[in-house]
Amino acid sequence: MTTTSPANTKAVQAIEQAEAAWLVALVEGEKALIPLMLEDSRVVHGPVGRVDDRETWARFHVTRRRSVAAKATELEITVRGDTAITTCFHEMYTVLDESIAPFPMQEVVTKVWEETPEGWRLAHMVMGRRFPPV
């Protein structure tokens, strides 16, 4: 974990909790994901760098690549005021076709979180997939 100063310990802990909630929401689905995102959030994903708003991306995640399990490793956090940047590796077991077993998928993910009165919310996310998992 990386921080900009020891004074950010409380913020880092809050971001760790936001990241954990994100993993749970990836499995729970659209209704759990959207509240963790700012209204004007953007997600860059897919093999060609598609850019979606929060509702479009959350719907895509549930209908095109529903996760049944998710974990993160190598989480690094940098906090600068009310903005935090995280990087990590996501590993998800994803249903691409209901007739076959969930497919393991890995992504390198960078997230930008903003502190709000409701807590830390996702402002921007960029995902780079790895096929097959390394």
Protein backbone atom coordinates (compact mmCIF):
# COMPACT_ATOMS: atom_id res chain seq x y z
CA MET A 1 0.00 0.00 0.00
CA THR A 2 1.32 3.48 -0.86
CA THR A 3 0.23 6.70 0.79
CA THR A 4 1.40 10.28 0.43
CA SER A 5 1.80 10.86 4.17
CA PRO A 6 1.19 9.11 7.50
CA ALA A 7 -1.59 11.65 8.16
CA ASN A 8 -3.66 9.85 5.51
CA THR A 9 -4.06 6.64 7.55
CA LYS A 10 -7.78 7.22 8.16
CA ALA A 11 -8.41 7.98 4.48
CA VAL A 12 -6.44 4.88 3.42
CA GLN A 13 -8.54 2.72 5.72
CA ALA A 14 -11.72 4.22 4.25
CA ILE A 15 -10.47 3.53 0.72
CA GLU A 16 -9.66 -0.07 1.67
CA GLN A 17 -13.28 -0.38 2.83
CA ALA A 18 -14.54 1.19 -0.42
CA GLU A 19 -12.44 -1.25 -2.43
CA ALA A 20 -13.82 -4.19 -0.42
CA ALA A 21 -17.38 -2.91 -0.98
CA TRP A 22 -16.60 -2.67 -4.71
CA LEU A 23 -15.65 -6.35 -4.86
CA VAL A 24 -18.89 -7.33 -3.13
CA ALA A 25 -20.87 -5.10 -5.52
CA LEU A 26 -19.23 -6.73 -8.56
CA VAL A 27 -20.90 -9.97 -7.50
CA GLU A 28 -24.16 -8.45 -6.24
CA GLY A 29 -24.75 -6.50 -9.44
CA GLU A 30 -26.04 -3.27 -10.89
CA LYS A 31 -28.05 -2.07 -7.89
CA ALA A 32 -25.00 -2.47 -5.63
CA LEU A 33 -22.50 -0.92 -8.08
CA ILE A 34 -24.29 2.31 -8.99
CA PRO A 35 -24.46 3.76 -5.42
CA LEU A 36 -20.67 3.38 -5.11
CA MET A 37 -20.16 5.60 -8.17
CA LEU A 38 -20.47 9.34 -8.68
CA GLU A 39 -23.28 10.41 -10.98
CA ASP A 40 -20.78 11.50 -13.66
CA SER A 41 -18.46 8.48 -13.30
CA ARG A 42 -16.82 7.05 -16.39
CA VAL A 43 -15.43 3.55 -16.94
CA VAL A 44 -12.89 2.72 -19.65
CA HIS A 45 -12.99 -0.99 -20.47
CA GLY A 46 -12.96 -3.63 -23.14
CA PRO A 47 -10.39 -4.51 -25.77
CA VAL A 48 -10.86 -1.21 -27.60
CA GLY A 49 -11.16 1.14 -24.62
CA ARG A 50 -14.92 1.64 -24.61
CA VAL A 51 -16.05 4.55 -22.37
CA ASP A 52 -19.34 4.17 -20.48
CA ASP A 53 -21.25 6.13 -17.88
CA ARG A 54 -22.05 4.39 -14.61
CA GLU A 55 -25.49 3.03 -15.57
CA THR A 56 -24.34 1.73 -18.96
CA TRP A 57 -21.26 0.07 -17.49
CA ALA A 58 -23.12 -1.46 -14.52
CA ARG A 59 -25.77 -2.88 -16.88
CA PHE A 60 -23.03 -4.21 -19.20
CA HIS A 61 -21.26 -5.84 -16.26
CA VAL A 62 -24.40 -7.66 -15.16
CA THR A 63 -25.71 -8.70 -18.58
CA ARG A 64 -22.50 -9.43 -20.52
CA ARG A 65 -20.04 -10.58 -17.87
CA ARG A 66 -21.77 -11.36 -14.60
CA SER A 67 -19.24 -12.07 -11.84
CA VAL A 68 -19.91 -14.87 -9.37
CA ALA A 69 -16.70 -14.27 -7.36
CA ALA A 70 -14.18 -11.42 -7.18
CA LYS A 71 -10.97 -10.70 -5.32
CA ALA A 72 -8.24 -8.08 -5.49
CA THR A 73 -4.52 -8.34 -4.90
CA GLU A 74 -1.61 -5.92 -4.79
CA LEU A 75 -3.77 -2.94 -3.84
CA GLU A 76 -1.84 0.32 -3.82
CA ILE A 77 -3.43 3.54 -2.59
CA THR A 78 -2.33 7.14 -3.01
CA VAL A 79 -4.37 9.84 -1.26
CA ARG A 80 -4.18 13.52 -2.19
CA GLY A 81 -6.70 15.56 -0.27
CA ASP A 82 -10.21 14.39 -1.16
CA THR A 83 -8.98 12.29 -4.12
CA ALA A 84 -7.54 8.80 -3.98
CA ILE A 85 -5.99 6.72 -6.75
CA THR A 86 -5.86 2.96 -6.44
CA THR A 87 -4.30 0.27 -8.56
CA CYS A 88 -4.74 -3.46 -8.14
CA PHE A 89 -5.29 -6.75 -9.89
CA HIS A 90 -8.87 -8.03 -10.00
CA GLU A 91 -9.57 -11.70 -10.48
CA MET A 92 -13.16 -12.58 -11.17
CA TYR A 93 -15.03 -15.69 -12.10
CA THR A 94 -17.35 -14.46 -14.79
CA VAL A 95 -20.35 -15.98 -16.53
CA LEU A 96 -19.96 -15.24 -20.22
CA ASP A 97 -22.42 -17.93 -21.28
CA GLU A 98 -24.95 -19.51 -18.92
CA SER A 99 -24.35 -22.93 -20.48
CA ILE A 100 -20.67 -23.14 -19.44
CA ALA A 101 -18.75 -22.82 -16.17
CA PRO A 102 -17.66 -19.34 -15.02
CA PHE A 103 -14.54 -18.12 -16.80
CA PRO A 104 -11.58 -16.81 -14.74
CA MET A 105 -10.79 -13.25 -15.82
CA GLN A 106 -8.00 -10.99 -14.60
CA GLU A 107 -7.77 -7.24 -14.95
CA VAL A 108 -5.33 -4.57 -13.94
CA VAL A 109 -7.54 -1.80 -12.58
CA THR A 110 -6.93 1.86 -11.78
CA LYS A 111 -9.65 3.71 -9.90
CA VAL A 112 -10.03 7.36 -8.96
CA TRP A 113 -12.10 7.84 -5.80
CA GLU A 114 -13.53 11.16 -4.55
CA GLU A 115 -14.50 11.81 -0.95
CA THR A 116 -18.12 12.91 -0.60
CA PRO A 117 -20.38 13.49 2.43
CA GLU A 118 -21.71 9.94 1.81
CA GLY A 119 -18.19 8.45 1.77
CA TRP A 120 -15.70 7.64 -0.98
CA ARG A 121 -17.26 7.22 -4.43
CA LEU A 122 -15.79 6.07 -7.71
CA ALA A 123 -15.15 8.91 -10.15
CA HIS A 124 -13.24 7.06 -12.87
CA MET A 125 -12.04 3.53 -13.57
CA VAL A 126 -9.77 2.07 -16.26
CA MET A 127 -9.58 -1.70 -16.67
CA GLY A 128 -7.05 -3.61 -18.73
CA ARG A 129 -8.03 -7.26 -19.20
CA ARG A 130 -5.72 -10.23 -19.34
CA PHE A 131 -6.75 -13.28 -21.37
CA PRO A 132 -6.03 -15.96 -20.33
CA PRO A 133 -5.28 -15.32 -16.66
CA VAL A 134 -1.58 -15.14 -15.89
